């Protein structure tokens, strides 16, 4: 009897400490969502009963979606209907970013029942910068404020539409923490661009793009290593990024550098309406 009681107590302790560990992991992962909201700024934001509604004239789903990451108290059906009205009034499809941290927890199933389709399943990955290797190529420039040259080269490499250039410039100018706009040069020509944003010991990587004529030659990796080195020199100890789950070349590159997945998210969009950028 005594042994049985000790076993029960032991199992209870294991469950308790396991729960604490899982809660800590969940909170650490949720921090990445908070950082990503800060580091990819919309043009305007509406807070609605714990949900963060973002608007940026349709440029990227990240900046034009509902992020239901805080506690929700209103009737769910009425709330979804009201959000549809708000996005419709702004000529945008109603789009939800579904992460492991959504509130209420049955939101994804409710949206599926209302005809919302899943698009762009995305892998969120992190990396400790302790043992990051030194870049071999150093023909890069990193500016802490957006420049006309960087913007022009990025839009060229990423096929950004003319109507979205000004929107993107305003969005990037809204970022309030330390930024690194990186360009990699080869034979005096910019062949790769990207953005790093530092906050709370993390550097988040955004919109890493390489000229289609120079891919699979290691240039993207070298640019990222330079950006991570800059981040480490400016106080970052970790890095995070998000990559669409079916982008096999990018997944291989990030795995080579040392990134590993911590969770996935996806978007729910009414009537499977898609936008040009993620």
C-alpha atoms as a PDB file:
ATOM      1  CA  UNK A   1       0.000   0.000   0.000  1.00  0.00           C
ATOM      2  CA  UNK A   2       2.802   2.380   0.963  1.00  0.00           C
ATOM      3  CA  UNK A   3       4.670   1.611  -2.278  1.00  0.00           C
ATOM      4  CA  UNK A   4       1.518   2.220  -4.287  1.00  0.00           C
ATOM      5  CA  UNK A   5       1.031   5.634  -2.643  1.00  0.00           C
ATOM      6  CA  UNK A   6       4.660   6.565  -3.347  1.00  0.00           C
ATOM      7  CA  UNK A   7       4.196   5.537  -6.974  1.00  0.00           C
ATOM      8  CA  UNK A   8       1.077   7.682  -7.299  1.00  0.00           C
ATOM      9  CA  UNK A   9       2.895  10.659  -5.768  1.00  0.00           C
ATOM     10  CA  UNK A  10       5.857  10.064  -8.085  1.00  0.00           C
ATOM     11  CA  UNK A  11       3.637   9.940 -11.162  1.00  0.00           C
ATOM     12  CA  UNK A  12       1.811  13.078 -10.025  1.00  0.00           C
ATOM     13  CA  UNK A  13       5.156  14.883  -9.659  1.00  0.00           C
ATOM     14  CA  UNK A  14       6.209  13.817 -13.145  1.00  0.00           C
ATOM     15  CA  UNK A  15       2.946  15.066 -14.626  1.00  0.00           C
ATOM     16  CA  UNK A  16       3.229  18.339 -12.710  1.00  0.00           C
ATOM     17  CA  UNK A  17       6.785  19.081 -13.832  1.00  0.00           C
ATOM     18  CA  UNK A  18       6.011  17.947 -17.392  1.00  0.00           C
ATOM     19  CA  UNK A  19       3.074  20.369 -17.452  1.00  0.00           C
ATOM     20  CA  UNK A  20       5.316  23.180 -16.232  1.00  0.00           C
ATOM     21  CA  UNK A  21       7.895  22.408 -18.926  1.00  0.00           C
ATOM     22  CA  UNK A  22       5.257  22.303 -21.654  1.00  0.00           C
ATOM     23  CA  UNK A  23       3.725  25.559 -20.417  1.00  0.00           C
ATOM     24  CA  UNK A  24       7.157  27.232 -20.514  1.00  0.00           C
ATOM     25  CA  UNK A  25       7.773  25.966 -24.045  1.00  0.00           C
ATOM     26  CA  UNK A  26       4.354  27.232 -25.101  1.00  0.00           C
ATOM     27  CA  UNK A  27       5.066  30.670 -23.634  1.00  0.00           C
ATOM     28  CA  UNK A  28       8.488  30.828 -25.303  1.00  0.00           C
ATOM     29  CA  UNK A  29       6.914  29.921 -28.628  1.00  0.00           C
ATOM     30  CA  UNK A  30       4.159  32.481 -28.178  1.00  0.00           C
ATOM     31  CA  UNK A  31       6.886  35.088 -27.759  1.00  0.00           C
ATOM     32  CA  UNK A  32       7.842  34.444 -31.390  1.00  0.00           C
ATOM     33  CA  UNK A  33       4.285  35.327 -32.453  1.00  0.00           C
ATOM     34  CA  UNK A  34       4.505  38.542 -30.470  1.00  0.00           C
ATOM     35  CA  UNK A  35       7.831  39.425 -32.063  1.00  0.00           C
ATOM     36  CA  UNK A  36       6.564  38.656 -35.549  1.00  0.00           C
ATOM     37  CA  UNK A  37       3.624  41.030 -35.017  1.00  0.00           C
ATOM     38  CA  UNK A  38       6.119  43.752 -34.080  1.00  0.00           C
ATOM     39  CA  UNK A  39       8.574  43.003 -36.852  1.00  0.00           C
ATOM     40  CA  UNK A  40       6.204  42.890 -39.834  1.00  0.00           C
ATOM     41  CA  UNK A  41       4.131  45.987 -39.309  1.00  0.00           C
ATOM     42  CA  UNK A  42       0.771  46.683 -40.979  1.00  0.00           C
ATOM     43  CA  UNK A  43      -0.414  50.166 -41.853  1.00  0.00           C
ATOM     44  CA  UNK A  44      -3.125  50.041 -39.186  1.00  0.00           C
ATOM     45  CA  UNK A  45      -4.315  47.754 -36.396  1.00  0.00           C
ATOM     46  CA  UNK A  46      -7.670  47.212 -34.728  1.00  0.00           C
ATOM     47  CA  UNK A  47      -7.906  45.443 -31.364  1.00  0.00           C
ATOM     48  CA  UNK A  48     -11.178  43.559 -31.049  1.00  0.00           C
ATOM     49  CA  UNK A  49     -11.893  41.570 -27.862  1.00  0.00           C
ATOM     50  CA  UNK A  50      -8.435  40.001 -27.699  1.00  0.00           C
ATOM     51  CA  UNK A  51      -8.003  39.626 -31.462  1.00  0.00           C
ATOM     52  CA  UNK A  52      -5.487  41.705 -33.425  1.00  0.00           C
ATOM     53  CA  UNK A  53      -6.904  42.779 -36.801  1.00  0.00           C
ATOM     54  CA  UNK A  54      -4.258  44.027 -39.231  1.00  0.00           C
ATOM     55  CA  UNK A  55      -4.608  46.035 -42.436  1.00  0.00           C
ATOM     56  CA  UNK A  56      -2.071  46.996 -45.119  1.00  0.00           C
ATOM     57  CA  UNK A  57      -3.973  47.545 -48.361  1.00  0.00           C
ATOM     58  CA  UNK A  58      -3.738  43.834 -49.175  1.00  0.00           C
ATOM     59  CA  UNK A  59       0.075  43.551 -49.247  1.00  0.00           C
ATOM     60  CA  UNK A  60       0.936  40.190 -47.631  1.00  0.00           C
ATOM     61  CA  UNK A  61      -1.374  37.987 -45.596  1.00  0.00           C
ATOM     62  CA  UNK A  62       0.739  38.555 -42.492  1.00  0.00           C
ATOM     63  CA  UNK A  63      -0.181  42.239 -42.540  1.00  0.00           C
ATOM     64  CA  UNK A  64      -3.821  41.757 -43.593  1.00  0.00           C
ATOM     65  CA  UNK A  65      -5.082  39.046 -41.275  1.00  0.00           C
ATOM     66  CA  UNK A  66      -6.702  38.417 -37.925  1.00  0.00           C
ATOM     67  CA  UNK A  67      -4.362  37.213 -35.188  1.00  0.00           C
ATOM     68  CA  UNK A  68      -6.559  35.703 -32.433  1.00  0.00           C
ATOM     69  CA  UNK A  69      -3.795  35.247 -29.866  1.00  0.00           C
ATOM     70  CA  UNK A  70      -5.411  36.786 -26.765  1.00  0.00           C
ATOM     71  CA  UNK A  71      -8.410  35.674 -24.732  1.00  0.00           C
ATOM     72  CA  UNK A  72     -11.769  36.125 -26.410  1.00  0.00           C
ATOM     73  CA  UNK A  73     -15.025  36.752 -24.529  1.00  0.00           C
ATOM     74  CA  UNK A  74     -17.637  37.649 -27.167  1.00  0.00           C
ATOM     75  CA  UNK A  75     -19.958  35.141 -28.839  1.00  0.00           C
ATOM     76  CA  UNK A  76     -17.765  33.454 -31.474  1.00  0.00           C
ATOM     77  CA  UNK A  77     -20.293  33.339 -34.316  1.00  0.00           C
ATOM     78  CA  UNK A  78     -21.184  36.996 -33.914  1.00  0.00           C
ATOM     79  CA  UNK A  79     -17.523  37.932 -33.677  1.00  0.00           C
ATOM     80  CA  UNK A  80     -16.612  36.090 -36.892  1.00  0.00           C
ATOM     81  CA  UNK A  81     -19.521  37.758 -38.669  1.00  0.00           C
ATOM     82  CA  UNK A  82     -18.447  41.184 -37.468  1.00  0.00           C
ATOM     83  CA  UNK A  83     -14.856  40.584 -38.617  1.00  0.00           C
ATOM     84  CA  UNK A  84     -16.120  39.601 -42.057  1.00  0.00           C
ATOM     85  CA  UNK A  85     -17.985  42.907 -42.249  1.00  0.00           C
ATOM     86  CA  UNK A  86     -14.889  44.857 -41.220  1.00  0.00           C
ATOM     87  CA  UNK A  87     -12.615  43.226 -43.799  1.00  0.00           C
ATOM     88  CA  UNK A  88     -15.247  43.432 -46.517  1.00  0.00           C
ATOM     89  CA  UNK A  89     -15.588  47.154 -45.838  1.00  0.00           C
ATOM     90  CA  UNK A  90     -11.832  47.430 -46.414  1.00  0.00           C
ATOM     91  CA  UNK A  91     -12.009  45.423 -49.664  1.00  0.00           C
ATOM     92  CA  UNK A  92     -10.009  42.564 -48.163  1.00  0.00           C
ATOM     93  CA  UNK A  93     -10.720  38.841 -47.818  1.00  0.00           C
ATOM     94  CA  UNK A  94     -11.297  37.789 -44.209  1.00  0.00           C
ATOM     95  CA  UNK A  95      -8.130  35.902 -43.311  1.00  0.00           C
ATOM     96  CA  UNK A  96      -7.196  34.269 -40.000  1.00  0.00           C
ATOM     97  CA  UNK A  97      -3.706  33.295 -38.939  1.00  0.00           C
ATOM     98  CA  UNK A  98      -4.128  30.015 -37.033  1.00  0.00           C
ATOM     99  CA  UNK A  99      -1.330  29.233 -34.574  1.00  0.00           C
ATOM    100  CA  UNK A 100      -1.181  26.881 -31.564  1.00  0.00           C
ATOM    101  CA  UNK A 101      -2.060  29.921 -29.430  1.00  0.00           C
ATOM    102  CA  UNK A 102      -5.461  30.898 -30.867  1.00  0.00           C
ATOM    103  CA  UNK A 103      -8.375  31.879 -28.642  1.00  0.00           C
ATOM    104  CA  UNK A 104     -10.839  30.335 -28.420  1.00  0.00           C
ATOM    105  CA  UNK A 105      -9.210  26.945 -29.002  1.00  0.00           C
ATOM    106  CA  UNK A 106     -12.106  25.732 -31.180  1.00  0.00           C
ATOM    107  CA  UNK A 107     -11.715  28.629 -33.624  1.00  0.00           C
ATOM    108  CA  UNK A 108     -10.072  26.630 -36.401  1.00  0.00           C
ATOM    109  CA  UNK A 109     -12.849  24.047 -36.440  1.00  0.00           C
ATOM    110  CA  UNK A 110     -15.500  26.748 -36.389  1.00  0.00           C
ATOM    111  CA  UNK A 111     -13.928  28.497 -39.365  1.00  0.00           C
ATOM    112  CA  UNK A 112     -13.732  25.223 -41.281  1.00  0.00           C
ATOM    113  CA  UNK A 113     -17.438  24.716 -40.669  1.00  0.00           C
ATOM    114  CA  UNK A 114     -18.120  28.167 -42.100  1.00  0.00           C
ATOM    115  CA  UNK A 115     -16.326  27.434 -45.358  1.00  0.00           C
ATOM    116  CA  UNK A 116     -12.876  28.824 -44.599  1.00  0.00           C
ATOM    117  CA  UNK A 117     -10.124  26.957 -46.451  1.00  0.00           C
ATOM    118  CA  UNK A 118      -6.552  26.278 -45.298  1.00  0.00           C
ATOM    119  CA  UNK A 119      -3.738  27.886 -47.292  1.00  0.00           C
ATOM    120  CA  UNK A 120       0.004  28.413 -46.829  1.00  0.00           C
ATOM    121  CA  UNK A 121       0.888  26.063 -43.979  1.00  0.00           C
ATOM    122  CA  UNK A 122       4.090  27.568 -42.596  1.00  0.00           C
ATOM    123  CA  UNK A 123       6.957  26.273 -40.468  1.00  0.00           C
ATOM    124  CA  UNK A 124       8.274  28.553 -37.709  1.00  0.00           C
ATOM    125  CA  UNK A 125      11.909  27.765 -36.943  1.00  0.00           C
ATOM    126  CA  UNK A 126      14.513  28.949 -34.466  1.00  0.00           C
ATOM    127  CA  UNK A 127      18.277  28.837 -34.075  1.00  0.00           C
ATOM    128  CA  UNK A 128      20.735  29.531 -31.252  1.00  0.00           C
ATOM    129  CA  UNK A 129      23.539  31.783 -32.431  1.00  0.00           C
ATOM    130  CA  UNK A 130      26.207  30.365 -30.096  1.00  0.00           C
ATOM    131  CA  UNK A 131      28.076  28.404 -32.735  1.00  0.00           C
ATOM    132  CA  UNK A 132      26.998  30.069 -35.957  1.00  0.00           C
ATOM    133  CA  UNK A 133      29.740  29.773 -38.569  1.00  0.00           C
ATOM    134  CA  UNK A 134      31.511  32.762 -40.067  1.00  0.00           C
ATOM    135  CA  UNK A 135      30.437  33.806 -43.570  1.00  0.00           C
ATOM    136  CA  UNK A 136      32.941  33.213 -46.363  1.00  0.00           C
ATOM    137  CA  UNK A 137      31.584  36.006 -48.550  1.00  0.00           C
ATOM    138  CA  UNK A 138      31.499  39.465 -47.032  1.00  0.00           C
ATOM    139  CA  UNK A 139      30.396  41.499 -50.045  1.00  0.00           C
ATOM    140  CA  UNK A 140      27.298  42.704 -48.222  1.00  0.00           C
ATOM    141  CA  UNK A 141      25.897  46.008 -47.054  1.00  0.00           C
ATOM    142  CA  UNK A 142      23.593  46.262 -44.055  1.00  0.00           C
ATOM    143  CA  UNK A 143      21.684  49.488 -43.478  1.00  0.00           C
ATOM    144  CA  UNK A 144      19.734  50.179 -40.306  1.00  0.00           C
ATOM    145  CA  UNK A 145      17.199  52.307 -42.183  1.00  0.00           C
ATOM    146  CA  UNK A 146      15.489  51.506 -45.442  1.00  0.00           C
ATOM    147  CA  UNK A 147      17.160  53.046 -48.484  1.00  0.00           C
ATOM    148  CA  UNK A 148      15.849  53.684 -51.978  1.00  0.00           C
ATOM    149  CA  UNK A 149      18.451  51.299 -53.441  1.00  0.00           C
ATOM    150  CA  UNK A 150      17.538  48.464 -51.081  1.00  0.00           C
ATOM    151  CA  UNK A 151      13.837  48.947 -51.749  1.00  0.00           C
ATOM    152  CA  UNK A 152      14.344  49.025 -55.511  1.00  0.00           C
ATOM    153  CA  UNK A 153      16.510  45.900 -55.522  1.00  0.00           C
ATOM    154  CA  UNK A 154      14.212  44.008 -53.186  1.00  0.00           C
ATOM    155  CA  UNK A 155      11.154  44.814 -55.293  1.00  0.00           C
ATOM    156  CA  UNK A 156      13.028  43.762 -58.422  1.00  0.00           C
ATOM    157  CA  UNK A 157      14.148  40.425 -56.971  1.00  0.00           C
ATOM    158  CA  UNK A 158      10.823  39.669 -55.285  1.00  0.00           C
ATOM    159  CA  UNK A 159       8.585  40.852 -58.146  1.00  0.00           C
ATOM    160  CA  UNK A 160       6.747  43.350 -55.950  1.00  0.00           C
ATOM    161  CA  UNK A 161       4.050  45.157 -57.902  1.00  0.00           C
ATOM    162  CA  UNK A 162       4.438  48.904 -58.403  1.00  0.00           C
ATOM    163  CA  UNK A 163       1.252  49.597 -56.435  1.00  0.00           C
ATOM    164  CA  UNK A 164       2.677  47.762 -53.403  1.00  0.00           C
ATOM    165  CA  UNK A 165       6.092  49.471 -53.259  1.00  0.00           C
ATOM    166  CA  UNK A 166       4.904  52.501 -51.316  1.00  0.00           C
ATOM    167  CA  UNK A 167       2.841  50.303 -48.991  1.00  0.00           C
ATOM    168  CA  UNK A 168       5.869  48.129 -48.264  1.00  0.00           C
ATOM    169  CA  UNK A 169       8.058  51.163 -47.602  1.00  0.00           C
ATOM    170  CA  UNK A 170       5.530  52.518 -45.093  1.00  0.00           C
ATOM    171  CA  UNK A 171       5.227  49.121 -43.399  1.00  0.00           C
ATOM    172  CA  UNK A 172       8.982  48.707 -42.993  1.00  0.00           C
ATOM    173  CA  UNK A 173       9.345  52.277 -41.748  1.00  0.00           C
ATOM    174  CA  UNK A 174       6.831  51.465 -38.984  1.00  0.00           C
ATOM    175  CA  UNK A 175       9.156  48.902 -37.343  1.00  0.00           C
ATOM    176  CA  UNK A 176      10.303  50.420 -34.047  1.00  0.00           C
ATOM    177  CA  UNK A 177      13.187  48.115 -33.049  1.00  0.00           C
ATOM    178  CA  UNK A 178      16.647  47.689 -34.583  1.00  0.00           C
ATOM    179  CA  UNK A 179      16.554  46.745 -38.271  1.00  0.00           C
ATOM    180  CA  UNK A 180      19.103  45.444 -40.741  1.00  0.00           C
ATOM    181  CA  UNK A 181      18.362  45.801 -44.458  1.00  0.00           C
ATOM    182  CA  UNK A 182      20.907  43.510 -46.104  1.00  0.00           C
ATOM    183  CA  UNK A 183      22.046  43.346 -49.720  1.00  0.00           C
ATOM    184  CA  UNK A 184      24.579  40.881 -51.110  1.00  0.00           C
ATOM    185  CA  UNK A 185      26.682  41.927 -54.086  1.00  0.00           C
ATOM    186  CA  UNK A 186      28.253  39.792 -56.787  1.00  0.00           C
ATOM    187  CA  UNK A 187      30.276  41.439 -59.540  1.00  0.00           C
ATOM    188  CA  UNK A 188      29.005  44.820 -58.308  1.00  0.00           C
ATOM    189  CA  UNK A 189      25.370  43.781 -58.699  1.00  0.00           C
ATOM    190  CA  UNK A 190      22.844  43.120 -55.932  1.00  0.00           C
ATOM    191  CA  UNK A 191      21.762  39.482 -56.259  1.00  0.00           C
ATOM    192  CA  UNK A 192      20.152  38.891 -52.855  1.00  0.00           C
ATOM    193  CA  UNK A 193      18.254  40.934 -50.270  1.00  0.00           C
ATOM    194  CA  UNK A 194      16.632  40.434 -46.910  1.00  0.00           C
ATOM    195  CA  UNK A 195      15.621  41.978 -43.611  1.00  0.00           C
ATOM    196  CA  UNK A 196      16.591  41.250 -40.029  1.00  0.00           C
ATOM    197  CA  UNK A 197      14.841  42.759 -36.997  1.00  0.00           C
ATOM    198  CA  UNK A 198      16.255  42.520 -33.462  1.00  0.00           C
ATOM    199  CA  UNK A 199      14.182  42.508 -30.286  1.00  0.00           C
ATOM    200  CA  UNK A 200      14.583  40.777 -26.919  1.00  0.00           C
ATOM    201  CA  UNK A 201      17.705  38.843 -27.970  1.00  0.00           C
ATOM    202  CA  UNK A 202      16.062  37.501 -31.142  1.00  0.00           C
ATOM    203  CA  UNK A 203      16.768  38.440 -34.726  1.00  0.00           C
ATOM    204  CA  UNK A 204      13.854  37.644 -36.988  1.00  0.00           C
ATOM    205  CA  UNK A 205      14.579  37.071 -40.677  1.00  0.00           C
ATOM    206  CA  UNK A 206      12.112  38.305 -43.274  1.00  0.00           C
ATOM    207  CA  UNK A 207      11.783  38.174 -47.048  1.00  0.00           C
ATOM    208  CA  UNK A 208      15.081  36.492 -47.838  1.00  0.00           C
ATOM    209  CA  UNK A 209      15.262  36.461 -51.634  1.00  0.00           C
ATOM    210  CA  UNK A 210      17.970  35.598 -54.186  1.00  0.00           C
ATOM    211  CA  UNK A 211      18.038  36.470 -57.879  1.00  0.00           C
ATOM    212  CA  UNK A 212      16.565  33.499 -59.768  1.00  0.00           C
ATOM    213  CA  UNK A 213      19.686  33.380 -61.970  1.00  0.00           C
ATOM    214  CA  UNK A 214      21.979  32.928 -58.950  1.00  0.00           C
ATOM    215  CA  UNK A 215      20.114  30.395 -56.842  1.00  0.00           C
ATOM    216  CA  UNK A 216      21.575  27.093 -55.576  1.00  0.00           C
ATOM    217  CA  UNK A 217      25.065  28.592 -55.529  1.00  0.00           C
ATOM    218  CA  UNK A 218      25.312  29.411 -51.826  1.00  0.00           C
ATOM    219  CA  UNK A 219      24.679  33.150 -52.082  1.00  0.00           C
ATOM    220  CA  UNK A 220      21.521  33.045 -49.974  1.00  0.00           C
ATOM    221  CA  UNK A 221      23.316  31.126 -47.232  1.00  0.00           C
ATOM    222  CA  UNK A 222      26.191  33.609 -47.209  1.00  0.00           C
ATOM    223  CA  UNK A 223      23.846  36.572 -46.965  1.00  0.00           C
ATOM    224  CA  UNK A 224      21.983  34.977 -44.051  1.00  0.00           C
ATOM    225  CA  UNK A 225      25.249  34.207 -42.234  1.00  0.00           C
ATOM    226  CA  UNK A 226      26.291  37.851 -42.606  1.00  0.00           C
ATOM    227  CA  UNK A 227      22.926  39.004 -41.296  1.00  0.00           C
ATOM    228  CA  UNK A 228      23.103  36.624 -38.315  1.00  0.00           C
ATOM    229  CA  UNK A 229      26.641  37.818 -37.564  1.00  0.00           C
ATOM    230  CA  UNK A 230      25.364  41.406 -37.576  1.00  0.00           C
ATOM    231  CA  UNK A 231      22.514  40.368 -35.296  1.00  0.00           C
ATOM    232  CA  UNK A 232      24.876  38.670 -32.861  1.00  0.00           C
ATOM    233  CA  UNK A 233      27.115  41.754 -32.795  1.00  0.00           C
ATOM    234  CA  UNK A 234      24.036  43.791 -31.894  1.00  0.00           C
ATOM    235  CA  UNK A 235      22.885  41.653 -28.968  1.00  0.00           C
ATOM    236  CA  UNK A 236      20.925  38.798 -30.561  1.00  0.00           C
ATOM    237  CA  UNK A 237      21.399  35.324 -29.091  1.00  0.00           C
ATOM    238  CA  UNK A 238      18.707  33.550 -31.096  1.00  0.00           C
ATOM    239  CA  UNK A 239      17.075  33.774 -34.489  1.00  0.00           C
ATOM    240  CA  UNK A 240      13.670  32.872 -35.857  1.00  0.00           C
ATOM    241  CA  UNK A 241      12.030  32.762 -39.266  1.00  0.00           C
ATOM    242  CA  UNK A 242       8.920  31.462 -40.995  1.00  0.00           C
ATOM    243  CA  UNK A 243       9.012  29.451 -44.211  1.00  0.00           C
ATOM    244  CA  UNK A 244       6.111  28.030 -46.229  1.00  0.00           C
ATOM    245  CA  UNK A 245       6.094  24.284 -45.575  1.00  0.00           C
ATOM    246  CA  UNK A 246       6.178  23.269 -49.246  1.00  0.00           C
ATOM    247  CA  UNK A 247       9.238  25.421 -50.053  1.00  0.00           C
ATOM    248  CA  UNK A 248      11.707  22.530 -50.156  1.00  0.00           C
ATOM    249  CA  UNK A 249      14.807  24.517 -51.262  1.00  0.00           C
ATOM    250  CA  UNK A 250      14.364  27.068 -48.469  1.00  0.00           C
ATOM    251  CA  UNK A 251      13.762  24.316 -45.892  1.00  0.00           C
ATOM    252  CA  UNK A 252      17.010  22.617 -46.939  1.00  0.00           C
ATOM    253  CA  UNK A 253      18.920  25.874 -46.691  1.00  0.00           C
ATOM    254  CA  UNK A 254      17.625  26.752 -43.225  1.00  0.00           C
ATOM    255  CA  UNK A 255      18.244  23.208 -41.994  1.00  0.00           C
ATOM    256  CA  UNK A 256      21.834  23.420 -43.247  1.00  0.00           C
ATOM    257  CA  UNK A 257      22.368  26.603 -41.276  1.00  0.00           C
ATOM    258  CA  UNK A 258      20.918  24.937 -38.168  1.00  0.00           C
ATOM    259  CA  UNK A 259      17.302  26.093 -37.879  1.00  0.00           C
ATOM    260  CA  UNK A 260      14.716  23.641 -36.545  1.00  0.00           C
ATOM    261  CA  UNK A 261      10.936  23.798 -36.384  1.00  0.00           C
ATOM    262  CA  UNK A 262       9.128  24.724 -33.173  1.00  0.00           C
ATOM    263  CA  UNK A 263       5.550  24.916 -34.493  1.00  0.00           C
ATOM    264  CA  UNK A 264       3.437  25.428 -37.594  1.00  0.00           C
ATOM    265  CA  UNK A 265       0.711  27.897 -38.485  1.00  0.00           C
ATOM    266  CA  UNK A 266      -1.625  28.316 -41.426  1.00  0.00           C
ATOM    267  CA  UNK A 267      -4.181  30.733 -42.762  1.00  0.00           C
ATOM    268  CA  UNK A 268      -7.944  30.243 -42.969  1.00  0.00           C
ATOM    269  CA  UNK A 269      -9.455  32.223 -45.835  1.00  0.00           C
ATOM    270  CA  UNK A 270     -13.097  32.463 -46.841  1.00  0.00           C
ATOM    271  CA  UNK A 271     -13.834  30.952 -50.278  1.00  0.00           C
ATOM    272  CA  UNK A 272     -10.116  30.135 -50.717  1.00  0.00           C
ATOM    273  CA  UNK A 273      -9.310  33.694 -51.801  1.00  0.00           C
ATOM    274  CA  UNK A 274      -5.553  34.060 -52.017  1.00  0.00           C
ATOM    275  CA  UNK A 275      -3.231  37.047 -52.033  1.00  0.00           C
ATOM    276  CA  UNK A 276       0.044  37.642 -53.847  1.00  0.00           C
ATOM    277  CA  UNK A 277       2.383  37.466 -50.861  1.00  0.00           C
ATOM    278  CA  UNK A 278       2.500  35.560 -47.576  1.00  0.00           C
END
